[in-house]
Amino acid sequence: MKAVQSLLGERQDAVMARRALPRIAASAHAHGEPGFGYGLLYAAQEAALVEADTGLPDRWAAARSRRLPRRV
């Protein structure tokens, strides 16, 4: 489950960054700063989101298949 939790955390980080980056880029542009780097960061977060969504089914299946020892 730790691997699933880690992947979900990475996914959440990507979602939050994708929400914030356009606002940050617009503010930078309003102050005369270039915005190209923000576009690159957005694209990187988009790729991280796709990777997380693609990897989640396998990680979930692996977590479900593990059996914990029973305590008596």
N, C-alpha and C. Protein backbone atom coordinates (compact mmCIF):
# COMPACT_ATOMS: atom_id res chain seq x y z
N MET A 1 0.82 -1.19 0.00
CA MET A 1 0.00 0.00 0.00
C MET A 1 0.86 1.26 0.00
N LYS A 2 2.08 1.12 0.50
CA LYS A 2 2.96 2.28 0.51
C LYS A 2 3.24 2.76 -0.91
N ALA A 3 3.42 1.83 -1.84
CA ALA A 3 3.68 2.19 -3.24
C ALA A 3 2.47 2.88 -3.85
N VAL A 4 1.28 2.41 -3.51
CA VAL A 4 0.05 3.04 -4.01
C VAL A 4 -0.06 4.45 -3.44
N GLN A 5 0.17 4.59 -2.15
CA GLN A 5 0.08 5.90 -1.50
C GLN A 5 1.09 6.87 -2.10
N SER A 6 2.29 6.39 -2.37
CA SER A 6 3.32 7.24 -2.96
C SER A 6 2.90 7.73 -4.35
N LEU A 7 2.38 6.82 -5.15
CA LEU A 7 1.95 7.19 -6.49
C LEU A 7 0.78 8.18 -6.44
N LEU A 8 -0.16 7.95 -5.53
CA LEU A 8 -1.28 8.88 -5.40
C LEU A 8 -0.81 10.25 -4.93
N GLY A 9 0.21 10.29 -4.09
CA GLY A 9 0.78 11.57 -3.66
C GLY A 9 1.43 12.30 -4.82
N GLU A 10 2.16 11.57 -5.65
CA GLU A 10 2.78 12.18 -6.83
C GLU A 10 1.71 12.71 -7.78
N ARG A 11 0.63 11.95 -7.92
CA ARG A 11 -0.47 12.38 -8.79
C ARG A 11 -1.09 13.67 -8.25
N GLN A 12 -1.33 13.71 -6.95
CA GLN A 12 -1.92 14.91 -6.34
C GLN A 12 -1.01 16.12 -6.52
N ASP A 13 0.29 15.93 -6.36
CA ASP A 13 1.23 17.02 -6.57
C ASP A 13 1.14 17.56 -7.99
N ALA A 14 1.04 16.65 -8.96
CA ALA A 14 0.94 17.06 -10.37
C ALA A 14 -0.35 17.82 -10.63
N VAL A 15 -1.45 17.34 -10.06
CA VAL A 15 -2.74 18.03 -10.24
C VAL A 15 -2.68 19.44 -9.67
N MET A 16 -2.15 19.57 -8.48
CA MET A 16 -2.08 20.89 -7.84
C MET A 16 -1.14 21.83 -8.60
N ALA A 17 -0.02 21.31 -9.07
CA ALA A 17 0.92 22.15 -9.82
C ALA A 17 0.29 22.61 -11.13
N ARG A 18 -0.43 21.72 -11.81
CA ARG A 18 -1.08 22.10 -13.07
C ARG A 18 -2.14 23.17 -12.83
N ARG A 19 -2.77 23.17 -11.69
CA ARG A 19 -3.76 24.21 -11.38
C ARG A 19 -3.08 25.55 -11.10
N ALA A 20 -1.95 25.52 -10.42
CA ALA A 20 -1.30 26.75 -10.01
C ALA A 20 -0.45 27.39 -11.10
N LEU A 21 0.15 26.59 -11.96
CA LEU A 21 1.11 27.13 -12.93
C LEU A 21 0.52 28.16 -13.89
N PRO A 22 -0.68 28.00 -14.43
CA PRO A 22 -1.19 29.05 -15.32
C PRO A 22 -1.34 30.41 -14.61
N ARG A 23 -1.79 30.39 -13.36
CA ARG A 23 -1.92 31.63 -12.60
C ARG A 23 -0.55 32.26 -12.34
N ILE A 24 0.41 31.44 -12.00
CA ILE A 24 1.76 31.94 -11.75
C ILE A 24 2.36 32.49 -13.04
N ALA A 25 2.14 31.79 -14.15
CA ALA A 25 2.67 32.25 -15.44
C ALA A 25 2.03 33.57 -15.85
N ALA A 26 0.73 33.71 -15.61
CA ALA A 26 0.05 34.96 -15.96
C ALA A 26 0.59 36.12 -15.13
N SER A 27 0.84 35.87 -13.87
CA SER A 27 1.41 36.90 -13.01
C SER A 27 2.81 37.29 -13.47
N ALA A 28 3.60 36.29 -13.82
CA ALA A 28 4.96 36.56 -14.32
C ALA A 28 4.89 37.38 -15.60
N HIS A 29 3.99 37.01 -16.49
CA HIS A 29 3.85 37.73 -17.76
C HIS A 29 3.43 39.18 -17.51
N ALA A 30 2.53 39.38 -16.56
CA ALA A 30 2.08 40.74 -16.23
C ALA A 30 3.22 41.60 -15.70
N HIS A 31 4.22 40.97 -15.13
CA HIS A 31 5.39 41.69 -14.61
C HIS A 31 6.54 41.70 -15.61
N GLY A 32 6.26 41.32 -16.84
CA GLY A 32 7.28 41.38 -17.88
C GLY A 32 8.27 40.23 -17.89
N GLU A 33 7.99 39.19 -17.17
CA GLU A 33 8.89 38.04 -17.13
C GLU A 33 8.50 37.03 -18.21
N PRO A 34 9.45 36.27 -18.71
CA PRO A 34 9.12 35.26 -19.72
C PRO A 34 8.33 34.11 -19.08
N GLY A 35 7.47 33.50 -19.87
CA GLY A 35 6.63 32.43 -19.34
C GLY A 35 6.95 31.06 -19.89
N PHE A 36 7.96 30.97 -20.75
CA PHE A 36 8.28 29.69 -21.39
C PHE A 36 8.56 28.59 -20.38
N GLY A 37 9.31 28.90 -19.35
CA GLY A 37 9.66 27.92 -18.33
C GLY A 37 8.43 27.36 -17.62
N TYR A 38 7.43 28.21 -17.43
CA TYR A 38 6.20 27.75 -16.79
C TYR A 38 5.47 26.75 -17.70
N GLY A 39 5.55 26.98 -19.00
CA GLY A 39 4.97 26.03 -19.94
C GLY A 39 5.68 24.69 -19.88
N LEU A 40 6.99 24.73 -19.75
CA LEU A 40 7.74 23.48 -19.62
C LEU A 40 7.38 22.74 -18.33
N LEU A 41 7.25 23.49 -17.26
CA LEU A 41 6.86 22.88 -15.99
C LEU A 41 5.46 22.27 -16.08
N TYR A 42 4.55 22.97 -16.75
CA TYR A 42 3.20 22.46 -16.93
C TYR A 42 3.23 21.15 -17.71
N ALA A 43 4.01 21.12 -18.78
CA ALA A 43 4.12 19.90 -19.59
C ALA A 43 4.71 18.75 -18.78
N ALA A 44 5.69 19.04 -17.93
CA ALA A 44 6.29 18.01 -17.10
C ALA A 44 5.26 17.46 -16.10
N GLN A 45 4.44 18.33 -15.55
CA GLN A 45 3.41 17.88 -14.62
C GLN A 45 2.33 17.08 -15.33
N GLU A 46 2.02 17.47 -16.55
CA GLU A 46 1.07 16.70 -17.36
C GLU A 46 1.60 15.28 -17.59
N ALA A 47 2.89 15.17 -17.91
CA ALA A 47 3.51 13.86 -18.12
C ALA A 47 3.50 13.04 -16.82
N ALA A 48 3.75 13.69 -15.70
CA ALA A 48 3.72 12.99 -14.41
C ALA A 48 2.32 12.49 -14.10
N LEU A 49 1.31 13.26 -14.45
CA LEU A 49 -0.07 12.86 -14.22
C LEU A 49 -0.42 11.64 -15.08
N VAL A 50 -0.04 11.66 -16.33
CA VAL A 50 -0.30 10.53 -17.22
C VAL A 50 0.43 9.29 -16.70
N GLU A 51 1.67 9.46 -16.28
CA GLU A 51 2.44 8.33 -15.76
C GLU A 51 1.78 7.73 -14.52
N ALA A 52 1.30 8.60 -13.63
CA ALA A 52 0.63 8.10 -12.42
C ALA A 52 -0.65 7.37 -12.77
N ASP A 53 -1.43 7.94 -13.68
CA ASP A 53 -2.68 7.30 -14.07
C ASP A 53 -2.44 5.96 -14.76
N THR A 54 -1.37 5.89 -15.52
CA THR A 54 -1.03 4.65 -16.22
C THR A 54 -0.52 3.59 -15.25
N GLY A 55 0.25 3.98 -14.27
CA GLY A 55 0.86 3.03 -13.35
C GLY A 55 -0.02 2.58 -12.20
N LEU A 56 -1.08 3.33 -11.94
CA LEU A 56 -1.91 3.02 -10.77
C LEU A 56 -2.55 1.63 -10.82
N PRO A 57 -3.14 1.20 -11.93
CA PRO A 57 -3.76 -0.13 -11.92
C PRO A 57 -2.78 -1.25 -11.55
N ASP A 58 -1.56 -1.20 -12.06
CA ASP A 58 -0.58 -2.24 -11.74
C ASP A 58 -0.17 -2.18 -10.28
N ARG A 59 0.04 -0.99 -9.76
CA ARG A 59 0.42 -0.88 -8.35
C ARG A 59 -0.70 -1.33 -7.44
N TRP A 60 -1.92 -0.99 -7.82
CA TRP A 60 -3.06 -1.40 -7.00
C TRP A 60 -3.20 -2.92 -7.01
N ALA A 61 -3.05 -3.51 -8.18
CA ALA A 61 -3.14 -4.97 -8.29
C ALA A 61 -2.05 -5.65 -7.47
N ALA A 62 -0.84 -5.10 -7.50
CA ALA A 62 0.26 -5.66 -6.72
C ALA A 62 -0.03 -5.56 -5.22
N ALA A 63 -0.59 -4.44 -4.81
CA ALA A 63 -0.90 -4.25 -3.39
C ALA A 63 -2.01 -5.20 -2.95
N ARG A 64 -2.99 -5.41 -3.78
CA ARG A 64 -4.10 -6.30 -3.44
C ARG A 64 -3.68 -7.75 -3.38
N SER A 65 -2.67 -8.10 -4.15
CA SER A 65 -2.26 -9.51 -4.21
C SER A 65 -1.40 -9.93 -3.02
N ARG A 66 -0.87 -8.98 -2.29
CA ARG A 66 -0.02 -9.32 -1.14
C ARG A 66 -0.89 -9.70 0.05
N ARG A 67 -0.47 -10.71 0.72
CA ARG A 67 -1.19 -11.18 1.90
C ARG A 67 -0.38 -10.83 3.15
N LEU A 68 -1.06 -10.27 4.10
CA LEU A 68 -0.41 -9.97 5.37
C LEU A 68 -0.52 -11.18 6.30
N PRO A 69 0.48 -11.39 7.12
CA PRO A 69 0.39 -12.52 8.06
C PRO A 69 -0.74 -12.27 9.06
N ARG A 70 -1.43 -13.34 9.39
CA ARG A 70 -2.53 -13.23 10.35
C ARG A 70 -1.99 -13.31 11.76
N ARG A 71 -2.54 -12.49 12.59
CA ARG A 71 -2.20 -12.56 14.01
C ARG A 71 -3.28 -13.33 14.73
N VAL A 72 -2.85 -14.22 15.56
CA VAL A 72 -3.81 -15.06 16.28
C VAL A 72 -3.95 -14.62 17.70
